[in-house]
């Protein structure tokens, strides 16, 4: 039971949290560096970036954690995180009623496509290292990345509040 939680449930919850934080706090800023956010293409890119930014590094870390085959379990983790994202977003706001309704499904699709690919790449990293060392590196990288994503909103708000002169 504990192994199943470490292999599937905790990574799915961490991936969900990272996707949410990335969409809310990072994706629009990244897309704004390339183009104005006034077009439908820019709005679609926010969804792609929101799914891609957490999928690639966390997927590689997940690939280091797992033994072969890694694509199927990674697909389960990504699908679970995408499902959580759709459920929680649907509870919070009727996203399907907006003009930009396609952002959330596009973000989830990007996550489900790229997380297993990144996990496959990660499973081929450090082939000469022992299985235990690779798993430790993968777990540490996954935990650090997830923790950074969870702490990001707090840091972002401190910087924003400090820039606004609210906090001295």
N, C-alpha and C. Protein backbone atom coordinates (compact mmCIF):
# COMPACT_ATOMS: atom_id res chain seq x y z
N UNK A 1 0.82 -1.20 0.00
CA UNK A 1 0.00 0.00 0.00
C UNK A 1 0.86 1.26 0.00
N UNK A 2 1.90 1.27 0.85
CA UNK A 2 2.80 2.42 0.92
C UNK A 2 3.57 2.58 -0.38
N UNK A 3 4.00 1.47 -0.99
CA UNK A 3 4.72 1.52 -2.24
C UNK A 3 3.84 2.09 -3.35
N UNK A 4 2.57 1.70 -3.37
CA UNK A 4 1.66 2.22 -4.38
C UNK A 4 1.44 3.72 -4.21
N UNK A 5 1.39 4.18 -2.96
CA UNK A 5 1.24 5.62 -2.72
C UNK A 5 2.47 6.38 -3.20
N UNK A 6 3.66 5.84 -2.93
CA UNK A 6 4.89 6.50 -3.35
C UNK A 6 5.02 6.48 -4.86
N UNK A 7 4.58 5.39 -5.49
CA UNK A 7 4.74 5.26 -6.93
C UNK A 7 3.68 6.00 -7.75
N UNK A 8 2.46 6.14 -7.22
CA UNK A 8 1.38 6.71 -8.02
C UNK A 8 0.69 7.93 -7.39
N UNK A 9 0.22 7.78 -6.16
CA UNK A 9 -0.63 8.81 -5.55
C UNK A 9 0.14 10.09 -5.25
N UNK A 10 1.25 9.98 -4.55
CA UNK A 10 2.02 11.17 -4.20
C UNK A 10 2.56 11.90 -5.43
N UNK A 11 3.11 11.18 -6.42
CA UNK A 11 3.53 11.90 -7.64
C UNK A 11 2.37 12.57 -8.37
N UNK A 12 1.21 11.93 -8.40
CA UNK A 12 0.05 12.54 -9.07
C UNK A 12 -0.39 13.81 -8.35
N UNK A 13 -0.42 13.76 -7.01
CA UNK A 13 -0.80 14.96 -6.24
C UNK A 13 0.24 16.07 -6.42
N UNK A 14 1.51 15.72 -6.39
CA UNK A 14 2.56 16.72 -6.57
C UNK A 14 2.51 17.30 -7.98
N UNK A 15 2.29 16.46 -8.96
CA UNK A 15 2.20 16.94 -10.35
C UNK A 15 1.00 17.85 -10.52
N UNK A 16 -0.12 17.50 -9.93
CA UNK A 16 -1.30 18.36 -9.97
C UNK A 16 -1.00 19.72 -9.36
N UNK A 17 -0.36 19.74 -8.19
CA UNK A 17 -0.03 21.01 -7.54
C UNK A 17 0.91 21.84 -8.40
N UNK A 18 1.88 21.18 -9.01
CA UNK A 18 2.84 21.90 -9.86
C UNK A 18 2.18 22.46 -11.11
N UNK A 19 1.25 21.71 -11.69
CA UNK A 19 0.54 22.20 -12.88
C UNK A 19 -0.30 23.42 -12.51
N UNK A 20 -0.99 23.35 -11.39
CA UNK A 20 -1.83 24.47 -10.97
C UNK A 20 -0.98 25.72 -10.73
N UNK A 21 0.10 25.55 -9.98
CA UNK A 21 0.97 26.69 -9.68
C UNK A 21 1.58 27.26 -10.95
N UNK A 22 2.00 26.39 -11.84
CA UNK A 22 2.61 26.85 -13.09
C UNK A 22 1.62 27.65 -13.91
N UNK A 23 0.39 27.16 -14.02
CA UNK A 23 -0.60 27.88 -14.81
C UNK A 23 -0.92 29.24 -14.20
N UNK A 24 -1.09 29.27 -12.90
CA UNK A 24 -1.50 30.50 -12.23
C UNK A 24 -0.37 31.51 -12.14
N UNK A 25 0.84 31.06 -11.82
CA UNK A 25 1.91 32.00 -11.50
C UNK A 25 3.02 32.13 -12.54
N UNK A 26 3.15 31.19 -13.47
CA UNK A 26 4.32 31.21 -14.35
C UNK A 26 3.97 31.27 -15.83
N UNK A 27 3.02 30.47 -16.27
CA UNK A 27 2.78 30.27 -17.71
C UNK A 27 2.48 31.56 -18.45
N UNK A 28 1.62 32.40 -17.92
CA UNK A 28 1.27 33.64 -18.61
C UNK A 28 2.48 34.57 -18.72
N UNK A 29 3.31 34.60 -17.69
CA UNK A 29 4.51 35.44 -17.72
C UNK A 29 5.50 34.94 -18.77
N UNK A 30 5.63 33.62 -18.90
CA UNK A 30 6.54 33.05 -19.89
C UNK A 30 6.04 33.36 -21.30
N UNK A 31 4.75 33.18 -21.54
CA UNK A 31 4.19 33.46 -22.87
C UNK A 31 4.28 34.95 -23.17
N UNK A 32 4.08 35.80 -22.17
CA UNK A 32 4.15 37.26 -22.37
C UNK A 32 5.55 37.71 -22.79
N UNK A 33 6.56 36.94 -22.49
CA UNK A 33 7.91 37.26 -22.96
C UNK A 33 8.03 37.13 -24.47
N UNK A 34 7.22 36.26 -25.05
CA UNK A 34 7.31 35.97 -26.48
C UNK A 34 6.30 36.78 -27.29
N UNK A 35 5.10 36.95 -26.74
CA UNK A 35 4.04 37.63 -27.49
C UNK A 35 3.04 38.26 -26.55
N UNK A 36 2.29 39.25 -27.02
CA UNK A 36 1.23 39.83 -26.18
C UNK A 36 0.15 38.78 -25.91
N UNK A 37 -0.47 38.87 -24.75
CA UNK A 37 -1.46 37.88 -24.34
C UNK A 37 -2.86 38.16 -24.89
N UNK A 38 -2.96 38.96 -25.91
CA UNK A 38 -4.27 39.39 -26.42
C UNK A 38 -4.85 38.46 -27.48
N UNK A 39 -4.11 37.49 -27.97
CA UNK A 39 -4.62 36.64 -29.04
C UNK A 39 -5.00 35.25 -28.52
N UNK A 40 -5.79 34.54 -29.31
CA UNK A 40 -6.17 33.18 -28.93
C UNK A 40 -4.96 32.25 -28.95
N UNK A 41 -4.00 32.51 -29.85
CA UNK A 41 -2.78 31.72 -29.89
C UNK A 41 -2.00 31.86 -28.58
N UNK A 42 -1.89 33.08 -28.09
CA UNK A 42 -1.18 33.31 -26.82
C UNK A 42 -1.90 32.62 -25.66
N UNK A 43 -3.21 32.67 -25.68
CA UNK A 43 -4.00 32.01 -24.62
C UNK A 43 -3.79 30.50 -24.69
N UNK A 44 -3.76 29.95 -25.91
CA UNK A 44 -3.50 28.52 -26.07
C UNK A 44 -2.09 28.16 -25.60
N UNK A 45 -1.13 29.03 -25.88
CA UNK A 45 0.24 28.78 -25.43
C UNK A 45 0.36 28.78 -23.91
N UNK A 46 -0.47 29.55 -23.24
CA UNK A 46 -0.49 29.52 -21.77
C UNK A 46 -0.85 28.11 -21.30
N UNK A 47 -1.80 27.47 -21.94
CA UNK A 47 -2.17 26.10 -21.59
C UNK A 47 -1.04 25.12 -21.87
N UNK A 48 -0.40 25.28 -23.02
CA UNK A 48 0.70 24.37 -23.38
C UNK A 48 1.87 24.55 -22.41
N UNK A 49 2.25 25.80 -22.16
CA UNK A 49 3.36 26.06 -21.23
C UNK A 49 3.00 25.60 -19.82
N UNK A 50 1.74 25.80 -19.42
CA UNK A 50 1.30 25.37 -18.10
C UNK A 50 1.39 23.87 -17.90
N UNK A 51 1.24 23.11 -18.96
CA UNK A 51 1.39 21.66 -18.87
C UNK A 51 2.82 21.19 -19.09
N UNK A 52 3.54 21.90 -19.95
CA UNK A 52 4.88 21.49 -20.34
C UNK A 52 5.92 21.76 -19.25
N UNK A 53 5.85 22.92 -18.62
CA UNK A 53 6.87 23.27 -17.61
C UNK A 53 6.96 22.26 -16.46
N UNK A 54 5.84 21.81 -15.89
CA UNK A 54 5.99 20.79 -14.84
C UNK A 54 6.21 19.37 -15.41
N UNK A 55 5.70 19.10 -16.61
CA UNK A 55 5.78 17.75 -17.16
C UNK A 55 7.22 17.33 -17.45
N UNK A 56 8.02 18.22 -17.97
CA UNK A 56 9.37 17.83 -18.37
C UNK A 56 10.30 17.53 -17.19
N UNK A 57 10.51 18.46 -16.26
CA UNK A 57 11.44 18.12 -15.17
C UNK A 57 10.89 17.04 -14.22
N UNK A 58 9.61 17.11 -13.90
CA UNK A 58 9.05 16.10 -13.00
C UNK A 58 8.98 14.74 -13.69
N UNK A 59 8.73 14.73 -14.98
CA UNK A 59 8.72 13.48 -15.72
C UNK A 59 10.08 12.81 -15.73
N UNK A 60 11.13 13.61 -15.95
CA UNK A 60 12.48 13.04 -15.93
C UNK A 60 12.83 12.50 -14.55
N UNK A 61 12.45 13.24 -13.51
CA UNK A 61 12.71 12.76 -12.15
C UNK A 61 11.92 11.48 -11.88
N UNK A 62 10.68 11.42 -12.35
CA UNK A 62 9.87 10.21 -12.17
C UNK A 62 10.49 9.02 -12.91
N UNK A 63 11.05 9.28 -14.08
CA UNK A 63 11.72 8.22 -14.84
C UNK A 63 12.94 7.67 -14.12
N UNK A 64 13.65 8.53 -13.42
CA UNK A 64 14.78 8.05 -12.62
C UNK A 64 14.31 7.20 -11.45
N UNK A 65 13.15 7.52 -10.90
CA UNK A 65 12.63 6.80 -9.74
C UNK A 65 12.17 5.38 -10.07
N UNK A 66 11.69 5.18 -11.28
CA UNK A 66 11.01 3.93 -11.64
C UNK A 66 11.94 2.95 -12.36
N UNK A 67 11.57 1.69 -12.30
CA UNK A 67 12.23 0.67 -13.11
C UNK A 67 11.47 0.57 -14.43
N UNK A 68 12.09 -0.04 -15.41
CA UNK A 68 11.43 -0.23 -16.71
C UNK A 68 10.30 -1.23 -16.54
N UNK A 69 9.20 -1.17 -17.21
CA UNK A 69 8.75 -0.11 -18.11
C UNK A 69 8.21 1.08 -17.31
N UNK A 70 8.46 2.28 -17.80
CA UNK A 70 8.11 3.48 -17.06
C UNK A 70 6.96 4.26 -17.71
N UNK A 71 6.72 4.04 -18.99
CA UNK A 71 5.73 4.85 -19.70
C UNK A 71 4.32 4.62 -19.18
N UNK A 72 3.95 3.38 -18.95
CA UNK A 72 2.59 3.08 -18.48
C UNK A 72 2.31 3.68 -17.09
N UNK A 73 3.20 3.50 -16.10
CA UNK A 73 2.94 4.14 -14.80
C UNK A 73 2.96 5.67 -14.91
N UNK A 74 3.82 6.21 -15.75
CA UNK A 74 3.87 7.67 -15.92
C UNK A 74 2.58 8.17 -16.55
N UNK A 75 2.01 7.41 -17.44
CA UNK A 75 0.73 7.78 -18.04
C UNK A 75 -0.38 7.77 -17.00
N UNK A 76 -0.34 6.82 -16.08
CA UNK A 76 -1.32 6.77 -14.99
C UNK A 76 -1.17 7.99 -14.09
N UNK A 77 0.06 8.36 -13.74
CA UNK A 77 0.31 9.52 -12.89
C UNK A 77 -0.15 10.80 -13.58
N UNK A 78 0.22 10.96 -14.85
CA UNK A 78 -0.16 12.17 -15.59
C UNK A 78 -1.67 12.26 -15.78
N UNK A 79 -2.31 11.15 -16.08
CA UNK A 79 -3.77 11.13 -16.25
C UNK A 79 -4.47 11.45 -14.93
N UNK A 80 -3.94 10.92 -13.84
CA UNK A 80 -4.53 11.21 -12.53
C UNK A 80 -4.39 12.69 -12.18
N UNK A 81 -3.21 13.26 -12.45
CA UNK A 81 -3.00 14.69 -12.18
C UNK A 81 -3.91 15.54 -13.07
N UNK A 82 -4.05 15.16 -14.33
CA UNK A 82 -4.92 15.90 -15.24
C UNK A 82 -6.38 15.78 -14.79
N UNK A 83 -6.77 14.60 -14.35
CA UNK A 83 -8.13 14.42 -13.84
C UNK A 83 -8.39 15.27 -12.61
N UNK A 84 -7.43 15.31 -11.70
CA UNK A 84 -7.56 16.17 -10.52
C UNK A 84 -7.68 17.63 -10.93
N UNK A 85 -6.88 18.03 -11.90
CA UNK A 85 -6.92 19.42 -12.38
C UNK A 85 -8.30 19.76 -12.94
N UNK A 86 -8.85 18.87 -13.75
CA UNK A 86 -10.18 19.12 -14.33
C UNK A 86 -11.27 19.13 -13.26
N UNK A 87 -11.18 18.22 -12.30
CA UNK A 87 -12.20 18.16 -11.24
C UNK A 87 -12.16 19.41 -10.38
N UNK A 88 -10.98 19.76 -9.89
CA UNK A 88 -10.88 20.93 -9.01
C UNK A 88 -11.20 22.23 -9.74
N UNK A 89 -10.78 22.33 -10.99
CA UNK A 89 -11.11 23.54 -11.75
C UNK A 89 -12.61 23.62 -11.98
N UNK A 90 -13.24 22.49 -12.21
CA UNK A 90 -14.69 22.48 -12.43
C UNK A 90 -15.46 22.83 -11.17
N UNK A 91 -14.92 22.45 -10.03
CA UNK A 91 -15.57 22.80 -8.76
C UNK A 91 -15.45 24.29 -8.49
N UNK A 92 -14.30 24.86 -8.80
CA UNK A 92 -14.03 26.27 -8.49
C UNK A 92 -14.72 27.25 -9.43
N UNK A 93 -14.74 26.95 -10.72
CA UNK A 93 -15.27 27.91 -11.69
C UNK A 93 -15.77 27.15 -12.93
N UNK A 94 -16.84 27.61 -13.56
CA UNK A 94 -17.30 26.95 -14.79
C UNK A 94 -16.42 27.34 -15.98
N UNK A 95 -15.23 26.74 -16.08
CA UNK A 95 -14.24 27.11 -17.08
C UNK A 95 -14.74 26.89 -18.51
N UNK A 96 -15.66 25.98 -18.71
CA UNK A 96 -16.18 25.68 -20.05
C UNK A 96 -17.06 26.81 -20.59
N UNK A 97 -17.45 27.74 -19.73
CA UNK A 97 -18.32 28.85 -20.15
C UNK A 97 -17.52 30.06 -20.66
N UNK A 98 -16.20 30.02 -20.55
CA UNK A 98 -15.38 31.15 -20.97
C UNK A 98 -14.96 31.02 -22.43
N UNK A 99 -14.56 32.13 -23.01
CA UNK A 99 -14.05 32.12 -24.39
C UNK A 99 -12.77 31.28 -24.45
N UNK A 100 -12.02 31.30 -23.39
CA UNK A 100 -10.76 30.55 -23.35
C UNK A 100 -10.94 29.16 -22.73
N UNK A 101 -12.08 28.53 -22.97
CA UNK A 101 -12.39 27.23 -22.38
C UNK A 101 -11.36 26.16 -22.73
N UNK A 102 -10.69 26.29 -23.85
CA UNK A 102 -9.78 25.27 -24.36
C UNK A 102 -8.45 25.22 -23.61
N UNK A 103 -8.15 26.21 -22.77
CA UNK A 103 -6.86 26.26 -22.08
C UNK A 103 -6.69 25.08 -21.14
N UNK A 104 -7.66 24.80 -20.33
CA UNK A 104 -7.53 23.72 -19.34
C UNK A 104 -7.41 22.34 -20.00
N UNK A 105 -8.27 21.99 -20.97
CA UNK A 105 -8.07 20.70 -21.63
C UNK A 105 -6.74 20.62 -22.39
N UNK A 106 -6.31 21.72 -22.98
CA UNK A 106 -5.03 21.74 -23.68
C UNK A 106 -3.86 21.52 -22.70
N UNK A 107 -3.96 22.15 -21.55
CA UNK A 107 -2.95 21.96 -20.51
C UNK A 107 -2.90 20.49 -20.07
N UNK A 108 -4.06 19.90 -19.85
CA UNK A 108 -4.12 18.50 -19.43
C UNK A 108 -3.60 17.57 -20.51
N UNK A 109 -3.95 17.83 -21.75
CA UNK A 109 -3.47 17.02 -22.87
C UNK A 109 -1.95 17.11 -22.98
N UNK A 110 -1.41 18.31 -22.85
CA UNK A 110 0.04 18.49 -22.89
C UNK A 110 0.70 17.70 -21.77
N UNK A 111 0.13 17.75 -20.59
CA UNK A 111 0.67 17.02 -19.45
C UNK A 111 0.66 15.51 -19.70
N UNK A 112 -0.46 15.00 -20.21
CA UNK A 112 -0.59 13.57 -20.44
C UNK A 112 0.33 13.09 -21.57
N UNK A 113 0.61 13.95 -22.52
CA UNK A 113 1.51 13.56 -23.61
C UNK A 113 2.99 13.66 -23.22
N UNK A 114 3.38 14.73 -22.55
CA UNK A 114 4.80 14.98 -22.33
C UNK A 114 5.37 14.39 -21.05
N UNK A 115 4.56 14.18 -20.02
CA UNK A 115 5.08 13.58 -18.79
C UNK A 115 5.60 12.16 -19.04
N UNK A 116 4.86 11.28 -19.74
CA UNK A 116 5.42 9.94 -20.02
C UNK A 116 6.65 9.98 -20.92
N UNK A 117 6.70 10.90 -21.87
CA UNK A 117 7.88 11.01 -22.73
C UNK A 117 9.10 11.43 -21.90
N UNK A 118 8.90 12.42 -21.03
CA UNK A 118 9.99 12.86 -20.16
C UNK A 118 10.39 11.74 -19.19
N UNK A 119 9.43 10.96 -18.72
CA UNK A 119 9.74 9.84 -17.82
C UNK A 119 10.56 8.79 -18.56
N UNK A 120 10.22 8.55 -19.81
CA UNK A 120 11.00 7.60 -20.61
C UNK A 120 12.44 8.09 -20.78
N UNK A 121 12.59 9.37 -21.06
CA UNK A 121 13.93 9.96 -21.18
C UNK A 121 14.67 9.85 -19.84
N UNK A 122 13.98 10.17 -18.76
CA UNK A 122 14.59 10.08 -17.43
C UNK A 122 15.00 8.67 -17.07
N UNK A 123 14.25 7.69 -17.55
CA UNK A 123 14.59 6.30 -17.24
C UNK A 123 15.87 5.85 -17.94
N UNK A 124 16.28 6.61 -18.95
CA UNK A 124 17.51 6.28 -19.67
C UNK A 124 18.70 7.15 -19.23
N UNK A 125 18.48 8.02 -18.25
CA UNK A 125 19.56 8.84 -17.72
C UNK A 125 20.36 8.04 -16.69
N UNK A 126 21.62 8.31 -16.57
CA UNK A 126 22.51 7.68 -15.60
C UNK A 126 22.45 6.15 -15.66
N UNK A 127 22.62 5.55 -16.84
CA UNK A 127 22.48 4.09 -16.94
C UNK A 127 23.56 3.31 -16.19
N UNK A 128 24.72 3.93 -15.96
CA UNK A 128 25.80 3.20 -15.29
C UNK A 128 25.68 3.24 -13.77
N UNK A 129 24.76 4.01 -13.25
CA UNK A 129 24.57 4.11 -11.79
C UNK A 129 23.68 2.98 -11.29
N UNK A 130 23.80 2.70 -10.02
CA UNK A 130 23.00 1.63 -9.43
C UNK A 130 21.53 2.06 -9.36
N UNK A 131 20.68 1.07 -9.32
CA UNK A 131 19.23 1.33 -9.26
C UNK A 131 18.87 2.14 -8.03
N UNK A 132 19.46 1.84 -6.90
CA UNK A 132 19.16 2.56 -5.66
C UNK A 132 19.58 4.02 -5.73
N UNK A 133 20.74 4.28 -6.31
CA UNK A 133 21.20 5.66 -6.45
C UNK A 133 20.31 6.44 -7.40
N UNK A 134 19.94 5.83 -8.51
CA UNK A 134 19.04 6.49 -9.47
C UNK A 134 17.69 6.80 -8.82
N UNK A 135 17.17 5.86 -8.05
CA UNK A 135 15.88 6.08 -7.37
C UNK A 135 16.00 7.22 -6.35
N UNK A 136 17.11 7.25 -5.62
CA UNK A 136 17.32 8.32 -4.64
C UNK A 136 17.43 9.68 -5.33
N UNK A 137 18.16 9.74 -6.42
CA UNK A 137 18.29 10.99 -7.17
C UNK A 137 16.93 11.42 -7.71
N UNK A 138 16.17 10.47 -8.27
CA UNK A 138 14.85 10.78 -8.80
C UNK A 138 13.88 11.26 -7.73
N UNK A 139 13.85 10.57 -6.59
CA UNK A 139 12.97 10.98 -5.49
C UNK A 139 13.35 12.36 -4.96
N UNK A 140 14.65 12.59 -4.81
CA UNK A 140 15.10 13.89 -4.31
C UNK A 140 14.75 15.00 -5.29
N UNK A 141 15.02 14.78 -6.57
CA UNK A 141 14.71 15.80 -7.59
C UNK A 141 13.21 16.05 -7.65
N UNK A 142 12.42 15.00 -7.61
CA UNK A 142 10.96 15.15 -7.67
C UNK A 142 10.46 15.94 -6.46
N UNK A 143 10.95 15.58 -5.28
CA UNK A 143 10.52 16.25 -4.05
C UNK A 143 10.94 17.72 -4.03
N UNK A 144 12.16 18.00 -4.45
CA UNK A 144 12.64 19.39 -4.46
C UNK A 144 11.85 20.22 -5.47
N UNK A 145 11.63 19.68 -6.65
CA UNK A 145 10.86 20.42 -7.66
C UNK A 145 9.43 20.67 -7.19
N UNK A 146 8.80 19.66 -6.61
CA UNK A 146 7.43 19.82 -6.12
C UNK A 146 7.38 20.82 -4.96
N UNK A 147 8.33 20.75 -4.07
CA UNK A 147 8.38 21.69 -2.94
C UNK A 147 8.59 23.12 -3.44
N UNK A 148 9.47 23.29 -4.40
CA UNK A 148 9.69 24.63 -4.97
C UNK A 148 8.40 25.17 -5.60
N UNK A 149 7.66 24.31 -6.28
CA UNK A 149 6.41 24.75 -6.91
C UNK A 149 5.37 25.12 -5.87
N UNK A 150 5.34 24.40 -4.76
CA UNK A 150 4.37 24.70 -3.71
C UNK A 150 4.73 26.01 -2.98
N UNK A 151 6.02 26.26 -2.83
CA UNK A 151 6.49 27.47 -2.15
C UNK A 151 6.43 28.69 -3.08
N UNK A 152 6.42 28.47 -4.38
CA UNK A 152 6.43 29.56 -5.36
C UNK A 152 5.34 30.62 -5.13
N UNK A 153 4.09 30.24 -4.86
CA UNK A 153 3.07 31.28 -4.65
C UNK A 153 3.40 32.20 -3.47
N UNK A 154 3.96 31.64 -2.41
CA UNK A 154 4.32 32.46 -1.26
C UNK A 154 5.44 33.44 -1.62
N UNK A 155 6.47 32.94 -2.30
CA UNK A 155 7.59 33.80 -2.71
C UNK A 155 7.10 34.87 -3.69
N UNK A 156 6.27 34.45 -4.63
CA UNK A 156 5.73 35.37 -5.64
C UNK A 156 4.92 36.48 -4.96
N UNK A 157 4.10 36.12 -3.98
CA UNK A 157 3.29 37.14 -3.30
C UNK A 157 4.16 38.07 -2.46
N UNK A 158 5.20 37.54 -1.86
CA UNK A 158 6.12 38.40 -1.09
C UNK A 158 6.82 39.39 -1.99
N UNK A 159 7.25 38.95 -3.15
CA UNK A 159 7.92 39.85 -4.09
C UNK A 159 6.93 40.87 -4.60
N UNK A 160 5.73 40.44 -4.95
CA UNK A 160 4.73 41.35 -5.49
C UNK A 160 4.30 42.38 -4.43
N UNK A 161 4.05 41.92 -3.22
CA UNK A 161 3.66 42.84 -2.16
C UNK A 161 4.80 43.80 -1.83
N UNK A 162 6.03 43.32 -1.86
CA UNK A 162 7.16 44.21 -1.63
C UNK A 162 7.32 45.24 -2.74
N UNK A 163 7.06 44.83 -3.97
CA UNK A 163 7.18 45.74 -5.10
C UNK A 163 6.07 46.79 -5.06
N UNK A 164 4.94 46.46 -4.48
CA UNK A 164 3.82 47.39 -4.39
C UNK A 164 3.95 48.33 -3.20
N UNK A 165 4.94 48.12 -2.38
CA UNK A 165 5.13 48.98 -1.22
C UNK A 165 4.25 48.61 -0.03
N UNK A 166 3.54 47.48 -0.12
CA UNK A 166 2.66 47.08 0.97
C UNK A 166 3.49 46.53 2.12
N UNK A 167 4.52 45.78 1.80
CA UNK A 167 5.40 45.22 2.82
C UNK A 167 6.71 45.99 2.75
N UNK A 168 7.21 46.41 3.87
CA UNK A 168 8.47 47.17 3.84
C UNK A 168 9.65 46.31 4.22
